[in-house]
Amino acid sequence: MSFGKTTPILRIFDEIKAVEFYVDFLGFKIDWQHRFEANFPLYLQVSRGECVLHLSEHHGDATPGSALRIETDELEAFQQQLLAKDYPFSRPHIQAMPWGSQDMTISDPFGNRLVFTNAISV
């Protein structure tokens, strides 16, 4: 038995704020986007490297305030990239966790928490 990768769905409420945060600040790219009709809720996929996220304005797709962990092997370099952008709503810092990982937690404009981590390998 095998399982494939996980693609979380995060609730968003504003397309402009979502693009500003995920694309302009975090450096993800938009892979595709979909609306059933003009002025309908947006559903889109963003990615950076092998990290793939779905963002949805659709009521019921996800709960605001979700949390997810994203592994990276270059946490410090990523932090420096983010700090250099001087994004007014986030100044991310790295925290040493008691279980041995280094974590950098950033909240998106919709209350979702993204924890970038150099997770401990088992």
Protein backbone atom coordinates (compact mmCIF):
# COMPACT_ATOMS: atom_id res chain seq x y z
CA MET A 1 0.00 0.00 0.00
CA SER A 2 1.32 3.46 -0.79
CA PHE A 3 0.08 6.99 -0.35
CA GLY A 4 0.77 10.04 -2.52
CA LYS A 5 1.57 13.58 -1.54
CA THR A 6 -0.86 15.68 0.46
CA THR A 7 -2.28 18.90 -0.98
CA PRO A 8 -3.87 21.04 1.73
CA ILE A 9 -6.73 23.40 0.93
CA LEU A 10 -6.57 26.75 2.72
CA ARG A 11 -9.50 29.16 2.96
CA ILE A 12 -8.94 32.64 1.57
CA PHE A 13 -11.29 35.64 1.39
CA ASP A 14 -9.54 38.09 -0.92
CA GLU A 15 -7.74 37.26 -4.17
CA ILE A 16 -5.53 40.38 -4.11
CA LYS A 17 -4.36 39.75 -0.53
CA ALA A 18 -3.79 36.04 -1.28
CA VAL A 19 -1.60 36.81 -4.30
CA GLU A 20 0.28 39.52 -2.40
CA PHE A 21 1.04 37.06 0.41
CA TYR A 22 1.60 33.72 -1.33
CA VAL A 23 3.15 34.93 -4.60
CA ASP A 24 4.75 38.31 -3.91
CA PHE A 25 5.90 37.62 -0.33
CA LEU A 26 6.42 33.85 -0.02
CA GLY A 27 7.56 33.35 -3.62
CA PHE A 28 5.01 30.74 -4.69
CA LYS A 29 3.80 30.75 -8.29
CA ILE A 30 0.23 30.40 -9.52
CA ASP A 31 -0.09 27.09 -11.40
CA TRP A 32 -3.76 27.47 -12.33
CA GLN A 33 -6.95 29.13 -11.17
CA HIS A 34 -10.64 28.43 -11.69
CA ARG A 35 -13.98 30.18 -11.31
CA PHE A 36 -17.26 28.62 -12.38
CA GLU A 37 -18.42 32.04 -13.66
CA ALA A 38 -17.35 35.67 -13.43
CA ASN A 39 -17.75 37.02 -9.88
CA PHE A 40 -17.84 33.49 -8.45
CA PRO A 41 -15.39 32.33 -5.75
CA LEU A 42 -11.82 31.65 -6.82
CA TYR A 43 -10.05 28.31 -6.46
CA LEU A 44 -6.36 28.17 -7.33
CA GLN A 45 -3.19 26.17 -6.96
CA VAL A 46 0.12 27.74 -5.93
CA SER A 47 3.45 25.99 -5.64
CA ARG A 48 7.05 26.52 -4.71
CA GLY A 49 9.36 23.61 -5.40
CA GLU A 50 7.48 20.46 -4.44
CA CYS A 51 5.18 22.28 -2.01
CA VAL A 52 1.68 22.53 -3.53
CA LEU A 53 -1.20 24.39 -1.88
CA HIS A 54 -4.79 24.91 -2.94
CA LEU A 55 -6.39 28.22 -1.97
CA SER A 56 -10.16 28.54 -2.01
CA GLU A 57 -12.71 31.31 -1.61
CA HIS A 58 -15.50 28.68 -1.65
CA HIS A 59 -17.52 28.49 1.55
CA GLY A 60 -17.14 25.04 3.07
CA ASP A 61 -13.88 24.07 1.35
CA ALA A 62 -11.74 24.71 4.40
CA THR A 63 -11.81 26.31 7.81
CA PRO A 64 -10.07 29.65 8.39
CA GLY A 65 -7.32 29.32 10.95
CA SER A 66 -5.86 26.05 9.67
CA ALA A 67 -2.23 25.15 10.33
CA LEU A 68 0.25 23.18 8.27
CA ARG A 69 3.94 22.33 8.37
CA ILE A 70 6.14 22.73 5.30
CA GLU A 71 9.57 21.12 5.32
CA THR A 72 12.56 22.94 3.84
CA ASP A 73 16.28 22.25 3.95
CA GLU A 74 17.14 25.96 3.61
CA LEU A 75 15.14 27.59 6.37
CA GLU A 76 17.67 30.32 7.18
CA ALA A 77 18.08 31.33 3.51
CA PHE A 78 14.29 31.44 3.11
CA GLN A 79 13.97 33.63 6.19
CA GLN A 80 16.55 36.06 4.79
CA GLN A 81 14.67 36.22 1.46
CA LEU A 82 11.47 37.08 3.29
CA LEU A 83 13.06 39.69 5.55
CA ALA A 84 14.65 41.38 2.50
CA LYS A 85 11.16 41.91 1.02
CA ASP A 86 10.22 44.14 3.98
CA TYR A 87 6.62 42.88 3.90
CA PRO A 88 4.73 45.17 6.30
CA PHE A 89 2.62 42.41 7.90
CA SER A 90 5.28 39.83 8.81
CA ARG A 91 8.84 39.80 10.13
CA PRO A 92 9.38 36.04 10.43
CA HIS A 93 11.85 34.62 12.92
CA ILE A 94 13.22 31.13 13.43
CA GLN A 95 12.61 29.37 16.72
CA ALA A 96 14.48 26.35 18.08
CA MET A 97 11.88 23.79 19.15
CA PRO A 98 12.33 21.48 22.16
CA TRP A 99 12.08 18.39 19.92
CA GLY A 100 15.08 19.51 17.85
CA SER A 101 13.67 21.20 14.74
CA GLN A 102 13.95 24.83 13.74
CA ASP A 103 10.54 26.37 12.92
CA MET A 104 9.45 29.64 11.33
CA THR A 105 5.74 30.35 11.74
CA ILE A 106 3.98 32.83 9.47
CA SER A 107 0.26 33.59 9.45
CA ASP A 108 -1.44 34.47 6.19
CA PRO A 109 -3.98 37.34 5.96
CA PHE A 110 -6.81 34.85 6.55
CA GLY A 111 -5.59 33.38 9.84
CA ASN A 112 -3.97 30.24 8.40
CA ARG A 113 -0.66 29.32 10.03
CA LEU A 114 2.22 28.09 7.88
CA VAL A 115 5.10 26.55 9.83
CA PHE A 116 8.23 26.25 7.73
CA THR A 117 10.51 23.71 9.35
CA ASN A 118 13.75 21.83 8.92
CA ALA A 119 12.01 18.84 10.43
CA ILE A 120 13.99 16.16 12.20
CA SER A 121 14.68 13.15 10.03
CA VAL A 122 13.97 9.80 11.64
